[in-house]
Amino acid sequence: MTRADLGDTEHLVLLAILRLGSDAYGIPILDEVSARSGREVSRATVYVALKRLAKRFFKLKPSGLKALRESREMFLNLWRDYETVLDRA
């Protein structure tokens, strides 16, 4: 994973931070990720992701937004490649 690559949880946490703005801290992030992803996410998972992100971006600065956009594009490209496979299944 390159420095700009985001894991699944990091991607979700960054999106939650972006949506929550100044209200983005532990529990609201956990609630946002759980509500929007439909996943049961533990508090520890969110805090580990926040710690990893803090080492790389600290706040959602231009470098964090760039990584989020790159991660989004990678997922979209990956899904485009698999649409036909899913349609056949």
PDB file of N, CA and C in Angstrom:
ATOM      1  N   MET A   1       0.860  -1.170   0.000  1.00  0.00           N
ATOM      2  CA  MET A   1       0.000   0.000   0.000  1.00  0.00           C
ATOM      3  C   MET A   1       0.902   1.227   0.000  1.00  0.00           C
ATOM      4  N   THR A   2       0.700   2.110  -0.961  1.00  0.00           N
ATOM      5  CA  THR A   2       1.463   3.341  -0.985  1.00  0.00           C
ATOM      6  C   THR A   2       0.937   4.292   0.073  1.00  0.00           C
ATOM      7  N   ARG A   3       1.660   5.345   0.296  1.00  0.00           N
ATOM      8  CA  ARG A   3       1.272   6.313   1.324  1.00  0.00           C
ATOM      9  C   ARG A   3      -0.110   6.894   1.053  1.00  0.00           C
ATOM     10  N   ALA A   4      -0.510   7.022  -0.202  1.00  0.00           N
ATOM     11  CA  ALA A   4      -1.803   7.615  -0.534  1.00  0.00           C
ATOM     12  C   ALA A   4      -2.942   6.597  -0.537  1.00  0.00           C
ATOM     13  N   ASP A   5      -2.618   5.300  -0.548  1.00  0.00           N
ATOM     14  CA  ASP A   5      -3.673   4.291  -0.573  1.00  0.00           C
ATOM     15  C   ASP A   5      -4.412   4.251   0.753  1.00  0.00           C
ATOM     16  N   LEU A   6      -5.716   4.096   0.657  1.00  0.00           N
ATOM     17  CA  LEU A   6      -6.551   4.010   1.851  1.00  0.00           C
ATOM     18  C   LEU A   6      -7.145   2.622   1.951  1.00  0.00           C
ATOM     19  N   GLY A   7      -7.156   2.078   3.159  1.00  0.00           N
ATOM     20  CA  GLY A   7      -7.875   0.848   3.405  1.00  0.00           C
ATOM     21  C   GLY A   7      -9.366   1.142   3.450  1.00  0.00           C
ATOM     22  N   ASP A   8     -10.154   0.104   3.452  1.00  0.00           N
ATOM     23  CA  ASP A   8     -11.610   0.231   3.464  1.00  0.00           C
ATOM     24  C   ASP A   8     -12.094   1.059   4.656  1.00  0.00           C
ATOM     25  N   THR A   9     -11.600   0.742   5.832  1.00  0.00           N
ATOM     26  CA  THR A   9     -12.035   1.459   7.032  1.00  0.00           C
ATOM     27  C   THR A   9     -11.572   2.910   7.000  1.00  0.00           C
ATOM     28  N   GLU A  10     -10.334   3.136   6.571  1.00  0.00           N
ATOM     29  CA  GLU A  10      -9.841   4.511   6.467  1.00  0.00           C
ATOM     30  C   GLU A  10     -10.694   5.321   5.501  1.00  0.00           C
ATOM     31  N   HIS A  11     -11.076   4.712   4.409  1.00  0.00           N
ATOM     32  CA  HIS A  11     -11.926   5.373   3.415  1.00  0.00           C
ATOM     33  C   HIS A  11     -13.260   5.788   4.064  1.00  0.00           C
ATOM     34  N   LEU A  12     -13.877   4.866   4.767  1.00  0.00           N
ATOM     35  CA  LEU A  12     -15.151   5.155   5.422  1.00  0.00           C
ATOM     36  C   LEU A  12     -15.006   6.238   6.489  1.00  0.00           C
ATOM     37  N   VAL A  13     -13.933   6.170   7.258  1.00  0.00           N
ATOM     38  CA  VAL A  13     -13.710   7.160   8.314  1.00  0.00           C
ATOM     39  C   VAL A  13     -13.483   8.541   7.714  1.00  0.00           C
ATOM     40  N   LEU A  14     -12.701   8.631   6.639  1.00  0.00           N
ATOM     41  CA  LEU A  14     -12.486   9.930   5.995  1.00  0.00           C
ATOM     42  C   LEU A  14     -13.789  10.501   5.448  1.00  0.00           C
ATOM     43  N   LEU A  15     -14.621   9.655   4.878  1.00  0.00           N
ATOM     44  CA  LEU A  15     -15.921  10.135   4.395  1.00  0.00           C
ATOM     45  C   LEU A  15     -16.776  10.642   5.552  1.00  0.00           C
ATOM     46  N   ALA A  16     -16.741   9.939   6.677  1.00  0.00           N
ATOM     47  CA  ALA A  16     -17.493  10.382   7.848  1.00  0.00           C
ATOM     48  C   ALA A  16     -16.974  11.720   8.348  1.00  0.00           C
ATOM     49  N   ILE A  17     -15.664  11.886   8.381  1.00  0.00           N
ATOM     50  CA  ILE A  17     -15.064  13.152   8.807  1.00  0.00           C
ATOM     51  C   ILE A  17     -15.493  14.277   7.877  1.00  0.00           C
ATOM     52  N   LEU A  18     -15.473  14.004   6.598  1.00  0.00           N
ATOM     53  CA  LEU A  18     -15.880  15.001   5.615  1.00  0.00           C
ATOM     54  C   LEU A  18     -17.334  15.415   5.830  1.00  0.00           C
ATOM     55  N   ARG A  19     -18.200  14.457   6.070  1.00  0.00           N
ATOM     56  CA  ARG A  19     -19.623  14.742   6.266  1.00  0.00           C
ATOM     57  C   ARG A  19     -19.887  15.458   7.596  1.00  0.00           C
ATOM     58  N   LEU A  20     -19.195  15.059   8.644  1.00  0.00           N
ATOM     59  CA  LEU A  20     -19.460  15.598   9.976  1.00  0.00           C
ATOM     60  C   LEU A  20     -18.818  16.959  10.225  1.00  0.00           C
ATOM     61  N   GLY A  21     -17.778  17.280   9.498  1.00  0.00           N
ATOM     62  CA  GLY A  21     -17.111  18.570   9.676  1.00  0.00           C
ATOM     63  C   GLY A  21     -16.581  18.750  11.087  1.00  0.00           C
ATOM     64  N   SER A  22     -16.932  19.848  11.736  1.00  0.00           N
ATOM     65  CA  SER A  22     -16.402  20.161  13.071  1.00  0.00           C
ATOM     66  C   SER A  22     -16.929  19.215  14.149  1.00  0.00           C
ATOM     67  N   ASP A  23     -17.938  18.421  13.851  1.00  0.00           N
ATOM     68  CA  ASP A  23     -18.463  17.446  14.809  1.00  0.00           C
ATOM     69  C   ASP A  23     -17.785  16.078  14.666  1.00  0.00           C
ATOM     70  N   ALA A  24     -16.708  16.019  13.882  1.00  0.00           N
ATOM     71  CA  ALA A  24     -16.034  14.748  13.602  1.00  0.00           C
ATOM     72  C   ALA A  24     -15.068  14.384  14.722  1.00  0.00           C
ATOM     73  N   TYR A  25     -15.525  13.524  15.597  1.00  0.00           N
ATOM     74  CA  TYR A  25     -14.673  12.941  16.614  1.00  0.00           C
ATOM     75  C   TYR A  25     -15.242  11.571  16.934  1.00  0.00           C
ATOM     76  N   GLY A  26     -14.500  10.750  17.657  1.00  0.00           N
ATOM     77  CA  GLY A  26     -14.784   9.359  17.954  1.00  0.00           C
ATOM     78  C   GLY A  26     -16.167   8.798  17.725  1.00  0.00           C
ATOM     79  N   ILE A  27     -17.071   9.023  18.659  1.00  0.00           N
ATOM     80  CA  ILE A  27     -18.389   8.387  18.620  1.00  0.00           C
ATOM     81  C   ILE A  27     -19.234   8.852  17.425  1.00  0.00           C
ATOM     82  N   PRO A  28     -19.295  10.145  17.123  1.00  0.00           N
ATOM     83  CA  PRO A  28     -20.048  10.534  15.930  1.00  0.00           C
ATOM     84  C   PRO A  28     -19.501   9.891  14.646  1.00  0.00           C
ATOM     85  N   ILE A  29     -18.175   9.740  14.567  1.00  0.00           N
ATOM     86  CA  ILE A  29     -17.592   9.065  13.399  1.00  0.00           C
ATOM     87  C   ILE A  29     -18.040   7.616  13.381  1.00  0.00           C
ATOM     88  N   LEU A  30     -17.964   6.950  14.519  1.00  0.00           N
ATOM     89  CA  LEU A  30     -18.410   5.562  14.622  1.00  0.00           C
ATOM     90  C   LEU A  30     -19.873   5.433  14.203  1.00  0.00           C
ATOM     91  N   ASP A  31     -20.718   6.312  14.716  1.00  0.00           N
ATOM     92  CA  ASP A  31     -22.139   6.274  14.368  1.00  0.00           C
ATOM     93  C   ASP A  31     -22.359   6.506  12.878  1.00  0.00           C
ATOM     94  N   GLU A  32     -21.639   7.453  12.306  1.00  0.00           N
ATOM     95  CA  GLU A  32     -21.778   7.772  10.879  1.00  0.00           C
ATOM     96  C   GLU A  32     -21.344   6.599  10.007  1.00  0.00           C
ATOM     97  N   VAL A  33     -20.195   6.025  10.326  1.00  0.00           N
ATOM     98  CA  VAL A  33     -19.694   4.882   9.549  1.00  0.00           C
ATOM     99  C   VAL A  33     -20.674   3.718   9.647  1.00  0.00           C
ATOM    100  N   SER A  34     -21.143   3.422  10.839  1.00  0.00           N
ATOM    101  CA  SER A  34     -22.080   2.302  11.024  1.00  0.00           C
ATOM    102  C   SER A  34     -23.389   2.546  10.284  1.00  0.00           C
ATOM    103  N   ALA A  35     -23.941   3.743  10.418  1.00  0.00           N
ATOM    104  CA  ALA A  35     -25.224   4.059   9.792  1.00  0.00           C
ATOM    105  C   ALA A  35     -25.142   4.038   8.274  1.00  0.00           C
ATOM    106  N   ARG A  36     -24.095   4.611   7.729  1.00  0.00           N
ATOM    107  CA  ARG A  36     -24.012   4.738   6.270  1.00  0.00           C
ATOM    108  C   ARG A  36     -23.486   3.491   5.582  1.00  0.00           C
ATOM    109  N   SER A  37     -22.689   2.691   6.286  1.00  0.00           N
ATOM    110  CA  SER A  37     -22.133   1.487   5.657  1.00  0.00           C
ATOM    111  C   SER A  37     -22.985   0.256   5.914  1.00  0.00           C
ATOM    112  N   GLY A  38     -23.846   0.321   6.955  1.00  0.00           N
ATOM    113  CA  GLY A  38     -24.631  -0.854   7.304  1.00  0.00           C
ATOM    114  C   GLY A  38     -23.810  -1.912   8.019  1.00  0.00           C
ATOM    115  N   ARG A  39     -22.606  -1.554   8.437  1.00  0.00           N
ATOM    116  CA  ARG A  39     -21.715  -2.491   9.120  1.00  0.00           C
ATOM    117  C   ARG A  39     -21.717  -2.217  10.610  1.00  0.00           C
ATOM    118  N   GLU A  40     -21.489  -3.269  11.371  1.00  0.00           N
ATOM    119  CA  GLU A  40     -21.233  -3.081  12.790  1.00  0.00           C
ATOM    120  C   GLU A  40     -19.741  -2.812  12.917  1.00  0.00           C
ATOM    121  N   VAL A  41     -19.397  -1.604  13.302  1.00  0.00           N
ATOM    122  CA  VAL A  41     -18.002  -1.199  13.404  1.00  0.00           C
ATOM    123  C   VAL A  41     -17.692  -0.959  14.873  1.00  0.00           C
ATOM    124  N   SER A  42     -16.590  -1.527  15.341  1.00  0.00           N
ATOM    125  CA  SER A  42     -16.237  -1.345  16.743  1.00  0.00           C
ATOM    126  C   SER A  42     -15.556   0.004  16.964  1.00  0.00           C
ATOM    127  N   ARG A  43     -15.629   0.449  18.185  1.00  0.00           N
ATOM    128  CA  ARG A  43     -14.968   1.694  18.567  1.00  0.00           C
ATOM    129  C   ARG A  43     -13.465   1.571  18.304  1.00  0.00           C
ATOM    130  N   ALA A  44     -12.901   0.420  18.634  1.00  0.00           N
ATOM    131  CA  ALA A  44     -11.466   0.203  18.437  1.00  0.00           C
ATOM    132  C   ALA A  44     -11.079   0.318  16.961  1.00  0.00           C
ATOM    133  N   THR A  45     -11.912  -0.202  16.078  1.00  0.00           N
ATOM    134  CA  THR A  45     -11.640  -0.126  14.642  1.00  0.00           C
ATOM    135  C   THR A  45     -11.564   1.321  14.183  1.00  0.00           C
ATOM    136  N   VAL A  46     -12.499   2.129  14.649  1.00  0.00           N
ATOM    137  CA  VAL A  46     -12.503   3.544  14.272  1.00  0.00           C
ATOM    138  C   VAL A  46     -11.277   4.252  14.825  1.00  0.00           C
ATOM    139  N   TYR A  47     -10.946   3.989  16.084  1.00  0.00           N
ATOM    140  CA  TYR A  47      -9.803   4.668  16.690  1.00  0.00           C
ATOM    141  C   TYR A  47      -8.478   4.242  16.061  1.00  0.00           C
ATOM    142  N   VAL A  48      -8.355   2.973  15.677  1.00  0.00           N
ATOM    143  CA  VAL A  48      -7.145   2.525  14.987  1.00  0.00           C
ATOM    144  C   VAL A  48      -7.043   3.228  13.631  1.00  0.00           C
ATOM    145  N   ALA A  49      -8.154   3.321  12.908  1.00  0.00           N
ATOM    146  CA  ALA A  49      -8.155   4.013  11.619  1.00  0.00           C
ATOM    147  C   ALA A  49      -7.805   5.488  11.804  1.00  0.00           C
ATOM    148  N   LEU A  50      -8.366   6.114  12.836  1.00  0.00           N
ATOM    149  CA  LEU A  50      -8.051   7.523  13.105  1.00  0.00           C
ATOM    150  C   LEU A  50      -6.574   7.709  13.426  1.00  0.00           C
ATOM    151  N   LYS A  51      -6.014   6.784  14.169  1.00  0.00           N
ATOM    152  CA  LYS A  51      -4.592   6.871  14.511  1.00  0.00           C
ATOM    153  C   LYS A  51      -3.733   6.742  13.258  1.00  0.00           C
ATOM    154  N   ARG A  52      -4.069   5.785  12.377  1.00  0.00           N
ATOM    155  CA  ARG A  52      -3.323   5.640  11.122  1.00  0.00           C
ATOM    156  C   ARG A  52      -3.455   6.892  10.272  1.00  0.00           C
ATOM    157  N   LEU A  53      -4.665   7.423  10.196  1.00  0.00           N
ATOM    158  CA  LEU A  53      -4.898   8.630   9.400  1.00  0.00           C
ATOM    159  C   LEU A  53      -4.168   9.839   9.993  1.00  0.00           C
ATOM    160  N   ALA A  54      -4.128   9.926  11.305  1.00  0.00           N
ATOM    161  CA  ALA A  54      -3.461  11.064  11.957  1.00  0.00           C
ATOM    162  C   ALA A  54      -1.979  11.091  11.623  1.00  0.00           C
ATOM    163  N   LYS A  55      -1.374   9.933  11.475  1.00  0.00           N
ATOM    164  CA  LYS A  55       0.036   9.869  11.106  1.00  0.00           C
ATOM    165  C   LYS A  55       0.253  10.381   9.682  1.00  0.00           C
ATOM    166  N   ARG A  56      -0.758  10.231   8.855  1.00  0.00           N
ATOM    167  CA  ARG A  56      -0.601  10.580   7.447  1.00  0.00           C
ATOM    168  C   ARG A  56      -1.162  11.950   7.107  1.00  0.00           C
ATOM    169  N   PHE A  57      -2.277  12.333   7.714  1.00  0.00           N
ATOM    170  CA  PHE A  57      -2.967  13.552   7.275  1.00  0.00           C
ATOM    171  C   PHE A  57      -3.286  14.527   8.394  1.00  0.00           C
ATOM    172  N   PHE A  58      -3.327  14.077   9.619  1.00  0.00           N
ATOM    173  CA  PHE A  58      -3.743  14.805  10.811  1.00  0.00           C
ATOM    174  C   PHE A  58      -5.180  15.283  10.696  1.00  0.00           C
ATOM    175  N   LYS A  59      -5.462  16.230   9.828  1.00  0.00           N
ATOM    176  CA  LYS A  59      -6.834  16.664   9.564  1.00  0.00           C
ATOM    177  C   LYS A  59      -7.105  16.417   8.092  1.00  0.00           C
ATOM    178  N   LEU A  60      -8.315  16.651   7.695  1.00  0.00           N
ATOM    179  CA  LEU A  60      -8.649  16.428   6.296  1.00  0.00           C
ATOM    180  C   LEU A  60      -8.118  17.605   5.479  1.00  0.00           C
ATOM    181  N   LYS A  61      -6.831  17.564   5.245  1.00  0.00           N
ATOM    182  CA  LYS A  61      -6.111  18.577   4.482  1.00  0.00           C
ATOM    183  C   LYS A  61      -6.136  18.182   3.014  1.00  0.00           C
ATOM    184  N   PRO A  62      -5.581  19.003   2.151  1.00  0.00           N
ATOM    185  CA  PRO A  62      -5.553  18.648   0.730  1.00  0.00           C
ATOM    186  C   PRO A  62      -4.978  17.259   0.456  1.00  0.00           C
ATOM    187  N   SER A  63      -3.967  16.846   1.208  1.00  0.00           N
ATOM    188  CA  SER A  63      -3.403  15.510   0.983  1.00  0.00           C
ATOM    189  C   SER A  63      -4.407  14.413   1.331  1.00  0.00           C
ATOM    190  N   GLY A  64      -5.219  14.640   2.369  1.00  0.00           N
ATOM    191  CA  GLY A  64      -6.258  13.670   2.727  1.00  0.00           C
ATOM    192  C   GLY A  64      -7.367  13.624   1.706  1.00  0.00           C
ATOM    193  N   LEU A  65      -7.769  14.799   1.221  1.00  0.00           N
ATOM    194  CA  LEU A  65      -8.800  14.846   0.173  1.00  0.00           C
ATOM    195  C   LEU A  65      -8.306  14.183  -1.100  1.00  0.00           C
ATOM    196  N   LYS A  66      -7.034  14.395  -1.436  1.00  0.00           N
ATOM    197  CA  LYS A  66      -6.451  13.764  -2.628  1.00  0.00           C
ATOM    198  C   LYS A  66      -6.467  12.245  -2.477  1.00  0.00           C
ATOM    199  N   ALA A  67      -6.063  11.758  -1.306  1.00  0.00           N
ATOM    200  CA  ALA A  67      -6.065  10.314  -1.068  1.00  0.00           C
ATOM    201  C   ALA A  67      -7.483   9.760  -1.135  1.00  0.00           C
ATOM    202  N   LEU A  68      -8.448  10.494  -0.611  1.00  0.00           N
ATOM    203  CA  LEU A  68      -9.843  10.057  -0.657  1.00  0.00           C
ATOM    204  C   LEU A  68     -10.343   9.992  -2.097  1.00  0.00           C
ATOM    205  N   ARG A  69     -10.023  11.003  -2.888  1.00  0.00           N
ATOM    206  CA  ARG A  69     -10.426  10.989  -4.305  1.00  0.00           C
ATOM    207  C   ARG A  69      -9.766   9.834  -5.057  1.00  0.00           C
ATOM    208  N   GLU A  70      -8.479   9.595  -4.793  1.00  0.00           N
ATOM    209  CA  GLU A  70      -7.775   8.494  -5.457  1.00  0.00           C
ATOM    210  C   GLU A  70      -8.359   7.147  -5.049  1.00  0.00           C
ATOM    211  N   SER A  71      -8.697   7.004  -3.776  1.00  0.00           N
ATOM    212  CA  SER A  71      -9.294   5.769  -3.300  1.00  0.00           C
ATOM    213  C   SER A  71     -10.659   5.544  -3.947  1.00  0.00           C
ATOM    214  N   ARG A  72     -11.447   6.608  -4.030  1.00  0.00           N
ATOM    215  CA  ARG A  72     -12.769   6.528  -4.671  1.00  0.00           C
ATOM    216  C   ARG A  72     -12.626   6.091  -6.127  1.00  0.00           C
ATOM    217  N   GLU A  73     -11.696   6.713  -6.830  1.00  0.00           N
ATOM    218  CA  GLU A  73     -11.486   6.381  -8.247  1.00  0.00           C
ATOM    219  C   GLU A  73     -11.044   4.926  -8.408  1.00  0.00           C
ATOM    220  N   MET A  74     -10.175   4.465  -7.510  1.00  0.00           N
ATOM    221  CA  MET A  74      -9.721   3.087  -7.572  1.00  0.00           C
ATOM    222  C   MET A  74     -10.894   2.128  -7.377  1.00  0.00           C
ATOM    223  N   PHE A  75     -11.751   2.413  -6.379  1.00  0.00           N
ATOM    224  CA  PHE A  75     -12.918   1.546  -6.155  1.00  0.00           C
ATOM    225  C   PHE A  75     -13.879   1.584  -7.337  1.00  0.00           C
ATOM    226  N   LEU A  76     -14.114   2.771  -7.888  1.00  0.00           N
ATOM    227  CA  LEU A  76     -15.008   2.871  -9.045  1.00  0.00           C
ATOM    228  C   LEU A  76     -14.454   2.100 -10.235  1.00  0.00           C
ATOM    229  N   ASN A  77     -13.155   2.224 -10.478  1.00  0.00           N
ATOM    230  CA  ASN A  77     -12.540   1.481 -11.579  1.00  0.00           C
ATOM    231  C   ASN A  77     -12.618  -0.019 -11.351  1.00  0.00           C
ATOM    232  N   LEU A  78     -12.389  -0.429 -10.133  1.00  0.00           N
ATOM    233  CA  LEU A  78     -12.473  -1.851  -9.814  1.00  0.00           C
ATOM    234  C   LEU A  78     -13.886  -2.373 -10.038  1.00  0.00           C
ATOM    235  N   TRP A  79     -14.886  -1.645  -9.576  1.00  0.00           N
ATOM    236  CA  TRP A  79     -16.271  -2.069  -9.761  1.00  0.00           C
ATOM    237  C   TRP A  79     -16.663  -2.096 -11.223  1.00  0.00           C
ATOM    238  N   ARG A  80     -16.200  -1.128 -12.001  1.00  0.00           N
ATOM    239  CA  ARG A  80     -16.517  -1.140 -13.439  1.00  0.00           C
ATOM    240  C   ARG A  80     -16.004  -2.410 -14.088  1.00  0.00           C
ATOM    241  N   ASP A  81     -14.839  -2.854 -13.673  1.00  0.00           N
ATOM    242  CA  ASP A  81     -14.260  -4.062 -14.246  1.00  0.00           C
ATOM    243  C   ASP A  81     -15.034  -5.320 -13.845  1.00  0.00           C
ATOM    244  N   TYR A  82     -15.745  -5.281 -12.739  1.00  0.00           N
ATOM    245  CA  TYR A  82     -16.460  -6.455 -12.254  1.00  0.00           C
ATOM    246  C   TYR A  82     -17.953  -6.448 -12.517  1.00  0.00           C
ATOM    247  N   GLU A  83     -18.475  -5.358 -13.056  1.00  0.00           N
ATOM    248  CA  GLU A  83     -19.920  -5.285 -13.325  1.00  0.00           C
ATOM    249  C   GLU A  83     -20.388  -6.454 -14.196  1.00  0.00           C
ATOM    250  N   THR A  84     -19.669  -6.747 -15.260  1.00  0.00           N
ATOM    251  CA  THR A  84     -20.087  -7.838 -16.148  1.00  0.00           C
ATOM    252  C   THR A  84     -19.981  -9.184 -15.464  1.00  0.00           C
ATOM    253  N   VAL A  85     -18.988  -9.355 -14.606  1.00  0.00           N
ATOM    254  CA  VAL A  85     -18.838 -10.613 -13.883  1.00  0.00           C
ATOM    255  C   VAL A  85     -20.019 -10.815 -12.942  1.00  0.00           C
ATOM    256  N   LEU A  86     -20.400  -9.767 -12.241  1.00  0.00           N
ATOM    257  CA  LEU A  86     -21.553  -9.864 -11.327  1.00  0.00           C
ATOM    258  C   LEU A  86     -22.841 -10.113 -12.083  1.00  0.00           C
ATOM    259  N   ASP A  87     -22.982  -9.492 -13.250  1.00  0.00           N
ATOM    260  CA  ASP A  87     -24.187  -9.684 -14.048  1.00  0.00           C
ATOM    261  C   ASP A  87     -24.335 -11.127 -14.516  1.00  0.00           C
ATOM    262  N   ARG A  88     -23.205 -11.805 -14.731  1.00  0.00           N
ATOM    263  CA  ARG A  88     -23.242 -13.207 -15.195  1.00  0.00           C
ATOM    264  C   ARG A  88     -23.493 -14.174 -14.054  1.00  0.00           C
ATOM    265  N   ALA A  89     -23.198 -13.759 -12.841  1.00  0.00           N
ATOM    266  CA  ALA A  89     -23.287 -14.676 -11.697  1.00  0.00           C
ATOM    267  C   ALA A  89     -24.734 -14.952 -11.323  1.00  0.00           C
TER     268      ALA A  89
END
